[in-house]
Amino acid sequence: MQLQAETEDMDALLKHVEERLSTLGGYVEQKEVYRGSAYAKNVFRNATLTLRVPAEKADKLVEDVGEVSNITSSSEQVDDVT
């Protein structure tokens, strides 16, 4: 599953996601954060996270993220392993 979300407080959103992951039995596998340029007039920050959460709890995580941010897009991929 892939999500894109926007927020006015990225640090608070990242903290919220990590706390919720912990309570759902998941973890952050990879985290990349771009904090913006000191020379840009408009500060643009973003983060890319690879999260691992039990499949049966993924929808709950998405719901929780949606409560504290605006999810702008989402996609889901299912791999057939048979």
PDB file of N, CA and C in Angstrom:
ATOM      1  N   MET A   1       0.838  -1.166   0.000  1.00  0.00           N
ATOM      2  CA  MET A   1       0.000   0.000   0.000  1.00  0.00           C
ATOM      3  C   MET A   1       0.886   1.233   0.000  1.00  0.00           C
ATOM      4  N   GLN A   2       0.480   2.211  -0.753  1.00  0.00           N
ATOM      5  CA  GLN A   2       1.214   3.475  -0.797  1.00  0.00           C
ATOM      6  C   GLN A   2       0.246   4.609  -0.499  1.00  0.00           C
ATOM      7  N   LEU A   3       0.670   5.520   0.384  1.00  0.00           N
ATOM      8  CA  LEU A   3      -0.132   6.693   0.740  1.00  0.00           C
ATOM      9  C   LEU A   3       0.674   7.950   0.507  1.00  0.00           C
ATOM     10  N   GLN A   4      -0.022   8.999   0.119  1.00  0.00           N
ATOM     11  CA  GLN A   4       0.561  10.332   0.118  1.00  0.00           C
ATOM     12  C   GLN A   4      -0.370  11.198   0.951  1.00  0.00           C
ATOM     13  N   ALA A   5       0.220  11.952   1.866  1.00  0.00           N
ATOM     14  CA  ALA A   5      -0.575  12.779   2.765  1.00  0.00           C
ATOM     15  C   ALA A   5       0.093  14.132   2.924  1.00  0.00           C
ATOM     16  N   GLU A   6      -0.722  15.123   3.249  1.00  0.00           N
ATOM     17  CA  GLU A   6      -0.198  16.451   3.519  1.00  0.00           C
ATOM     18  C   GLU A   6      -0.626  16.882   4.907  1.00  0.00           C
ATOM     19  N   THR A   7       0.198  17.725   5.510  1.00  0.00           N
ATOM     20  CA  THR A   7      -0.062  18.188   6.866  1.00  0.00           C
ATOM     21  C   THR A   7       0.619  19.535   7.068  1.00  0.00           C
ATOM     22  N   GLU A   8       0.161  20.282   8.022  1.00  0.00           N
ATOM     23  CA  GLU A   8       0.805  21.538   8.371  1.00  0.00           C
ATOM     24  C   GLU A   8       1.930  21.321   9.373  1.00  0.00           C
ATOM     25  N   ASP A   9       1.966  20.163  10.034  1.00  0.00           N
ATOM     26  CA  ASP A   9       2.986  19.874  11.043  1.00  0.00           C
ATOM     27  C   ASP A   9       3.562  18.480  10.789  1.00  0.00           C
ATOM     28  N   MET A  10       4.582  18.428   9.938  1.00  0.00           N
ATOM     29  CA  MET A  10       5.149  17.142   9.550  1.00  0.00           C
ATOM     30  C   MET A  10       5.749  16.396  10.738  1.00  0.00           C
ATOM     31  N   ASP A  11       6.425  17.090  11.621  1.00  0.00           N
ATOM     32  CA  ASP A  11       7.043  16.427  12.765  1.00  0.00           C
ATOM     33  C   ASP A  11       5.997  15.737  13.639  1.00  0.00           C
ATOM     34  N   ALA A  12       4.871  16.407  13.867  1.00  0.00           N
ATOM     35  CA  ALA A  12       3.803  15.815  14.672  1.00  0.00           C
ATOM     36  C   ALA A  12       3.201  14.604  13.962  1.00  0.00           C
ATOM     37  N   LEU A  13       3.034  14.689  12.647  1.00  0.00           N
ATOM     38  CA  LEU A  13       2.481  13.559  11.899  1.00  0.00           C
ATOM     39  C   LEU A  13       3.427  12.361  11.949  1.00  0.00           C
ATOM     40  N   LEU A  14       4.721  12.595  11.760  1.00  0.00           N
ATOM     41  CA  LEU A  14       5.681  11.495  11.824  1.00  0.00           C
ATOM     42  C   LEU A  14       5.664  10.835  13.203  1.00  0.00           C
ATOM     43  N   LYS A  15       5.605  11.630  14.244  1.00  0.00           N
ATOM     44  CA  LYS A  15       5.549  11.089  15.603  1.00  0.00           C
ATOM     45  C   LYS A  15       4.281  10.266  15.794  1.00  0.00           C
ATOM     46  N   HIS A  16       3.152  10.785  15.312  1.00  0.00           N
ATOM     47  CA  HIS A  16       1.875  10.079  15.437  1.00  0.00           C
ATOM     48  C   HIS A  16       1.938   8.732  14.716  1.00  0.00           C
ATOM     49  N   VAL A  17       2.460   8.723  13.503  1.00  0.00           N
ATOM     50  CA  VAL A  17       2.546   7.482  12.722  1.00  0.00           C
ATOM     51  C   VAL A  17       3.409   6.459  13.449  1.00  0.00           C
ATOM     52  N   GLU A  18       4.552   6.881  13.953  1.00  0.00           N
ATOM     53  CA  GLU A  18       5.445   5.948  14.639  1.00  0.00           C
ATOM     54  C   GLU A  18       4.805   5.406  15.922  1.00  0.00           C
ATOM     55  N   GLU A  19       4.079   6.237  16.656  1.00  0.00           N
ATOM     56  CA  GLU A  19       3.396   5.777  17.873  1.00  0.00           C
ATOM     57  C   GLU A  19       2.301   4.776  17.529  1.00  0.00           C
ATOM     58  N   ARG A  20       1.515   5.076  16.493  1.00  0.00           N
ATOM     59  CA  ARG A  20       0.427   4.172  16.092  1.00  0.00           C
ATOM     60  C   ARG A  20       0.984   2.847  15.586  1.00  0.00           C
ATOM     61  N   LEU A  21       2.060   2.910  14.837  1.00  0.00           N
ATOM     62  CA  LEU A  21       2.684   1.674  14.355  1.00  0.00           C
ATOM     63  C   LEU A  21       3.048   0.772  15.516  1.00  0.00           C
ATOM     64  N   SER A  22       3.631   1.353  16.531  1.00  0.00           N
ATOM     65  CA  SER A  22       4.056   0.584  17.686  1.00  0.00           C
ATOM     66  C   SER A  22       2.870  -0.119  18.340  1.00  0.00           C
ATOM     67  N   THR A  23       1.761   0.593  18.505  1.00  0.00           N
ATOM     68  CA  THR A  23       0.592  -0.008  19.151  1.00  0.00           C
ATOM     69  C   THR A  23      -0.081  -1.052  18.260  1.00  0.00           C
ATOM     70  N   LEU A  24       0.134  -0.968  16.944  1.00  0.00           N
ATOM     71  CA  LEU A  24      -0.462  -1.936  16.018  1.00  0.00           C
ATOM     72  C   LEU A  24       0.477  -3.106  15.721  1.00  0.00           C
ATOM     73  N   GLY A  25       1.635  -3.122  16.357  1.00  0.00           N
ATOM     74  CA  GLY A  25       2.570  -4.217  16.155  1.00  0.00           C
ATOM     75  C   GLY A  25       3.443  -4.056  14.926  1.00  0.00           C
ATOM     76  N   GLY A  26       3.605  -2.834  14.451  1.00  0.00           N
ATOM     77  CA  GLY A  26       4.407  -2.572  13.257  1.00  0.00           C
ATOM     78  C   GLY A  26       5.664  -1.795  13.592  1.00  0.00           C
ATOM     79  N   TYR A  27       6.393  -1.407  12.549  1.00  0.00           N
ATOM     80  CA  TYR A  27       7.630  -0.658  12.741  1.00  0.00           C
ATOM     81  C   TYR A  27       7.990   0.089  11.456  1.00  0.00           C
ATOM     82  N   VAL A  28       8.884   1.058  11.586  1.00  0.00           N
ATOM     83  CA  VAL A  28       9.400   1.805  10.441  1.00  0.00           C
ATOM     84  C   VAL A  28      10.615   1.041   9.922  1.00  0.00           C
ATOM     85  N   GLU A  29      10.538   0.576   8.683  1.00  0.00           N
ATOM     86  CA  GLU A  29      11.666  -0.131   8.093  1.00  0.00           C
ATOM     87  C   GLU A  29      12.693   0.843   7.514  1.00  0.00           C
ATOM     88  N   GLN A  30      12.195   1.923   6.906  1.00  0.00           N
ATOM     89  CA  GLN A  30      13.085   2.928   6.316  1.00  0.00           C
ATOM     90  C   GLN A  30      12.412   4.291   6.413  1.00  0.00           C
ATOM     91  N   LYS A  31      13.236   5.330   6.633  1.00  0.00           N
ATOM     92  CA  LYS A  31      12.711   6.691   6.770  1.00  0.00           C
ATOM     93  C   LYS A  31      13.687   7.666   6.132  1.00  0.00           C
ATOM     94  N   GLU A  32      13.181   8.456   5.200  1.00  0.00           N
ATOM     95  CA  GLU A  32      13.965   9.512   4.572  1.00  0.00           C
ATOM     96  C   GLU A  32      13.202  10.819   4.747  1.00  0.00           C
ATOM     97  N   VAL A  33      13.873  11.835   5.264  1.00  0.00           N
ATOM     98  CA  VAL A  33      13.221  13.121   5.513  1.00  0.00           C
ATOM     99  C   VAL A  33      14.020  14.224   4.838  1.00  0.00           C
ATOM    100  N   TYR A  34      13.340  15.034   4.050  1.00  0.00           N
ATOM    101  CA  TYR A  34      13.942  16.219   3.439  1.00  0.00           C
ATOM    102  C   TYR A  34      13.385  17.418   4.186  1.00  0.00           C
ATOM    103  N   ARG A  35      14.238  18.186   4.814  1.00  0.00           N
ATOM    104  CA  ARG A  35      13.787  19.275   5.677  1.00  0.00           C
ATOM    105  C   ARG A  35      13.745  20.630   4.995  1.00  0.00           C
ATOM    106  N   GLY A  36      14.041  20.694   3.715  1.00  0.00           N
ATOM    107  CA  GLY A  36      13.944  21.952   2.984  1.00  0.00           C
ATOM    108  C   GLY A  36      15.277  22.668   2.889  1.00  0.00           C
ATOM    109  N   SER A  37      15.329  23.616   1.999  1.00  0.00           N
ATOM    110  CA  SER A  37      16.536  24.392   1.756  1.00  0.00           C
ATOM    111  C   SER A  37      16.532  25.665   2.590  1.00  0.00           C
ATOM    112  N   ALA A  38      17.672  26.014   3.112  1.00  0.00           N
ATOM    113  CA  ALA A  38      17.799  27.262   3.865  1.00  0.00           C
ATOM    114  C   ALA A  38      17.717  28.468   2.937  1.00  0.00           C
ATOM    115  N   TYR A  39      17.872  28.243   1.625  1.00  0.00           N
ATOM    116  CA  TYR A  39      17.895  29.334   0.666  1.00  0.00           C
ATOM    117  C   TYR A  39      16.570  29.524  -0.068  1.00  0.00           C
ATOM    118  N   ALA A  40      15.669  28.588   0.061  1.00  0.00           N
ATOM    119  CA  ALA A  40      14.382  28.690  -0.629  1.00  0.00           C
ATOM    120  C   ALA A  40      13.439  29.605   0.147  1.00  0.00           C
ATOM    121  N   LYS A  41      12.664  30.389  -0.573  1.00  0.00           N
ATOM    122  CA  LYS A  41      11.699  31.266   0.091  1.00  0.00           C
ATOM    123  C   LYS A  41      10.533  30.460   0.659  1.00  0.00           C
ATOM    124  N   ASN A  42      10.079  29.461  -0.083  1.00  0.00           N
ATOM    125  CA  ASN A  42       9.022  28.579   0.398  1.00  0.00           C
ATOM    126  C   ASN A  42       9.664  27.293   0.894  1.00  0.00           C
ATOM    127  N   VAL A  43       9.470  27.012   2.151  1.00  0.00           N
ATOM    128  CA  VAL A  43      10.062  25.811   2.726  1.00  0.00           C
ATOM    129  C   VAL A  43       9.197  24.616   2.361  1.00  0.00           C
ATOM    130  N   PHE A  44       9.787  23.699   1.616  1.00  0.00           N
ATOM    131  CA  PHE A  44       9.103  22.481   1.206  1.00  0.00           C
ATOM    132  C   PHE A  44       9.787  21.316   1.901  1.00  0.00           C
ATOM    133  N   ARG A  45       9.041  20.589   2.683  1.00  0.00           N
ATOM    134  CA  ARG A  45       9.575  19.434   3.397  1.00  0.00           C
ATOM    135  C   ARG A  45       8.777  18.208   2.988  1.00  0.00           C
ATOM    136  N   ASN A  46       9.433  17.067   2.966  1.00  0.00           N
ATOM    137  CA  ASN A  46       8.695  15.834   2.733  1.00  0.00           C
ATOM    138  C   ASN A  46       9.419  14.670   3.387  1.00  0.00           C
ATOM    139  N   ALA A  47       8.690  13.583   3.512  1.00  0.00           N
ATOM    140  CA  ALA A  47       9.246  12.370   4.102  1.00  0.00           C
ATOM    141  C   ALA A  47       8.724  11.170   3.335  1.00  0.00           C
ATOM    142  N   THR A  48       9.575  10.188   3.208  1.00  0.00           N
ATOM    143  CA  THR A  48       9.195   8.914   2.615  1.00  0.00           C
ATOM    144  C   THR A  48       9.471   7.837   3.648  1.00  0.00           C
ATOM    145  N   LEU A  49       8.448   7.075   3.975  1.00  0.00           N
ATOM    146  CA  LEU A  49       8.578   6.029   4.981  1.00  0.00           C
ATOM    147  C   LEU A  49       8.221   4.682   4.381  1.00  0.00           C
ATOM    148  N   THR A  50       8.949   3.665   4.755  1.00  0.00           N
ATOM    149  CA  THR A  50       8.557   2.288   4.465  1.00  0.00           C
ATOM    150  C   THR A  50       8.134   1.702   5.799  1.00  0.00           C
ATOM    151  N   LEU A  51       6.861   1.355   5.890  1.00  0.00           N
ATOM    152  CA  LEU A  51       6.284   0.879   7.142  1.00  0.00           C
ATOM    153  C   LEU A  51       5.932  -0.593   7.021  1.00  0.00           C
ATOM    154  N   ARG A  52       6.086  -1.306   8.095  1.00  0.00           N
ATOM    155  CA  ARG A  52       5.671  -2.706   8.156  1.00  0.00           C
ATOM    156  C   ARG A  52       4.648  -2.827   9.278  1.00  0.00           C
ATOM    157  N   VAL A  53       3.478  -3.321   8.913  1.00  0.00           N
ATOM    158  CA  VAL A  53       2.394  -3.489   9.875  1.00  0.00           C
ATOM    159  C   VAL A  53       1.653  -4.766   9.485  1.00  0.00           C
ATOM    160  N   PRO A  54       1.144  -5.526  10.471  1.00  0.00           N
ATOM    161  CA  PRO A  54       0.384  -6.726  10.119  1.00  0.00           C
ATOM    162  C   PRO A  54      -0.758  -6.385   9.154  1.00  0.00           C
ATOM    163  N   ALA A  55      -0.945  -7.230   8.156  1.00  0.00           N
ATOM    164  CA  ALA A  55      -1.924  -6.959   7.093  1.00  0.00           C
ATOM    165  C   ALA A  55      -3.310  -6.653   7.641  1.00  0.00           C
ATOM    166  N   GLU A  56      -3.704  -7.346   8.675  1.00  0.00           N
ATOM    167  CA  GLU A  56      -5.056  -7.148   9.221  1.00  0.00           C
ATOM    168  C   GLU A  56      -5.208  -5.810   9.945  1.00  0.00           C
ATOM    169  N   LYS A  57      -4.103  -5.098  10.169  1.00  0.00           N
ATOM    170  CA  LYS A  57      -4.154  -3.809  10.857  1.00  0.00           C
ATOM    171  C   LYS A  57      -3.825  -2.637   9.938  1.00  0.00           C
ATOM    172  N   ALA A  58      -3.574  -2.904   8.669  1.00  0.00           N
ATOM    173  CA  ALA A  58      -3.204  -1.847   7.723  1.00  0.00           C
ATOM    174  C   ALA A  58      -4.317  -0.820   7.559  1.00  0.00           C
ATOM    175  N   ASP A  59      -5.558  -1.281   7.451  1.00  0.00           N
ATOM    176  CA  ASP A  59      -6.674  -0.346   7.289  1.00  0.00           C
ATOM    177  C   ASP A  59      -6.812   0.575   8.492  1.00  0.00           C
ATOM    178  N   LYS A  60      -6.555   0.062   9.685  1.00  0.00           N
ATOM    179  CA  LYS A  60      -6.625   0.880  10.902  1.00  0.00           C
ATOM    180  C   LYS A  60      -5.548   1.957  10.870  1.00  0.00           C
ATOM    181  N   LEU A  61      -4.353   1.607  10.400  1.00  0.00           N
ATOM    182  CA  LEU A  61      -3.284   2.597  10.303  1.00  0.00           C
ATOM    183  C   LEU A  61      -3.662   3.704   9.325  1.00  0.00           C
ATOM    184  N   VAL A  62      -4.212   3.342   8.175  1.00  0.00           N
ATOM    185  CA  VAL A  62      -4.641   4.335   7.184  1.00  0.00           C
ATOM    186  C   VAL A  62      -5.717   5.241   7.778  1.00  0.00           C
ATOM    187  N   GLU A  63      -6.654   4.660   8.490  1.00  0.00           N
ATOM    188  CA  GLU A  63      -7.704   5.447   9.145  1.00  0.00           C
ATOM    189  C   GLU A  63      -7.105   6.436  10.136  1.00  0.00           C
ATOM    190  N   ASP A  64      -6.152   5.972  10.936  1.00  0.00           N
ATOM    191  CA  ASP A  64      -5.502   6.837  11.929  1.00  0.00           C
ATOM    192  C   ASP A  64      -4.735   7.979  11.270  1.00  0.00           C
ATOM    193  N   VAL A  65      -4.006   7.676  10.195  1.00  0.00           N
ATOM    194  CA  VAL A  65      -3.261   8.717   9.479  1.00  0.00           C
ATOM    195  C   VAL A  65      -4.233   9.737   8.896  1.00  0.00           C
ATOM    196  N   GLY A  66      -5.351   9.268   8.370  1.00  0.00           N
ATOM    197  CA  GLY A  66      -6.358  10.157   7.787  1.00  0.00           C
ATOM    198  C   GLY A  66      -7.013  11.079   8.798  1.00  0.00           C
ATOM    199  N   GLU A  67      -6.994  10.691  10.064  1.00  0.00           N
ATOM    200  CA  GLU A  67      -7.588  11.533  11.099  1.00  0.00           C
ATOM    201  C   GLU A  67      -6.709  12.734  11.450  1.00  0.00           C
ATOM    202  N   VAL A  68      -5.404  12.647  11.175  1.00  0.00           N
ATOM    203  CA  VAL A  68      -4.494  13.730  11.554  1.00  0.00           C
ATOM    204  C   VAL A  68      -3.805  14.373  10.351  1.00  0.00           C
ATOM    205  N   SER A  69      -4.217  13.981   9.150  1.00  0.00           N
ATOM    206  CA  SER A  69      -3.642  14.562   7.938  1.00  0.00           C
ATOM    207  C   SER A  69      -4.667  14.471   6.815  1.00  0.00           C
ATOM    208  N   ASN A  70      -4.316  15.031   5.682  1.00  0.00           N
ATOM    209  CA  ASN A  70      -5.156  14.930   4.489  1.00  0.00           C
ATOM    210  C   ASN A  70      -4.479  13.939   3.538  1.00  0.00           C
ATOM    211  N   ILE A  71      -5.058  12.757   3.390  1.00  0.00           N
ATOM    212  CA  ILE A  71      -4.503  11.761   2.474  1.00  0.00           C
ATOM    213  C   ILE A  71      -4.869  12.200   1.062  1.00  0.00           C
ATOM    214  N   THR A  72      -3.858  12.522   0.268  1.00  0.00           N
ATOM    215  CA  THR A  72      -4.089  13.040  -1.082  1.00  0.00           C
ATOM    216  C   THR A  72      -4.158  11.941  -2.128  1.00  0.00           C
ATOM    217  N   SER A  73      -3.542  10.788  -1.865  1.00  0.00           N
ATOM    218  CA  SER A  73      -3.665   9.655  -2.782  1.00  0.00           C
ATOM    219  C   SER A  73      -3.283   8.378  -2.066  1.00  0.00           C
ATOM    220  N   SER A  74      -3.795   7.281  -2.591  1.00  0.00           N
ATOM    221  CA  SER A  74      -3.440   5.970  -2.054  1.00  0.00           C
ATOM    222  C   SER A  74      -3.531   4.939  -3.164  1.00  0.00           C
ATOM    223  N   SER A  75      -2.726   3.907  -3.040  1.00  0.00           N
ATOM    224  CA  SER A  75      -2.776   2.795  -3.983  1.00  0.00           C
ATOM    225  C   SER A  75      -2.422   1.524  -3.233  1.00  0.00           C
ATOM    226  N   GLU A  76      -2.894   0.411  -3.762  1.00  0.00           N
ATOM    227  CA  GLU A  76      -2.649  -0.869  -3.104  1.00  0.00           C
ATOM    228  C   GLU A  76      -2.265  -1.876  -4.165  1.00  0.00           C
ATOM    229  N   GLN A  77      -1.314  -2.720  -3.828  1.00  0.00           N
ATOM    230  CA  GLN A  77      -0.861  -3.761  -4.735  1.00  0.00           C
ATOM    231  C   GLN A  77      -0.909  -5.086  -4.008  1.00  0.00           C
ATOM    232  N   VAL A  78      -1.419  -6.091  -4.677  1.00  0.00           N
ATOM    233  CA  VAL A  78      -1.476  -7.430  -4.114  1.00  0.00           C
ATOM    234  C   VAL A  78      -0.594  -8.337  -4.964  1.00  0.00           C
ATOM    235  N   ASP A  79       0.282  -9.068  -4.315  1.00  0.00           N
ATOM    236  CA  ASP A  79       1.156  -9.986  -5.030  1.00  0.00           C
ATOM    237  C   ASP A  79       0.613 -11.405  -4.908  1.00  0.00           C
ATOM    238  N   ASP A  80       0.420 -12.068  -6.042  1.00  0.00           N
ATOM    239  CA  ASP A  80      -0.012 -13.455  -6.061  1.00  0.00           C
ATOM    240  C   ASP A  80       1.216 -14.331  -5.894  1.00  0.00           C
ATOM    241  N   VAL A  81       1.308 -15.037  -4.795  1.00  0.00           N
ATOM    242  CA  VAL A  81       2.483 -15.839  -4.509  1.00  0.00           C
ATOM    243  C   VAL A  81       2.228 -17.334  -4.746  1.00  0.00           C
ATOM    244  N   THR A  82       1.147 -17.641  -5.444  1.00  0.00           N
ATOM    245  CA  THR A  82       0.866 -19.060  -5.719  1.00  0.00           C
ATOM    246  C   THR A  82       1.562 -19.523  -6.967  1.00  0.00           C
TER     247      THR A  82
END
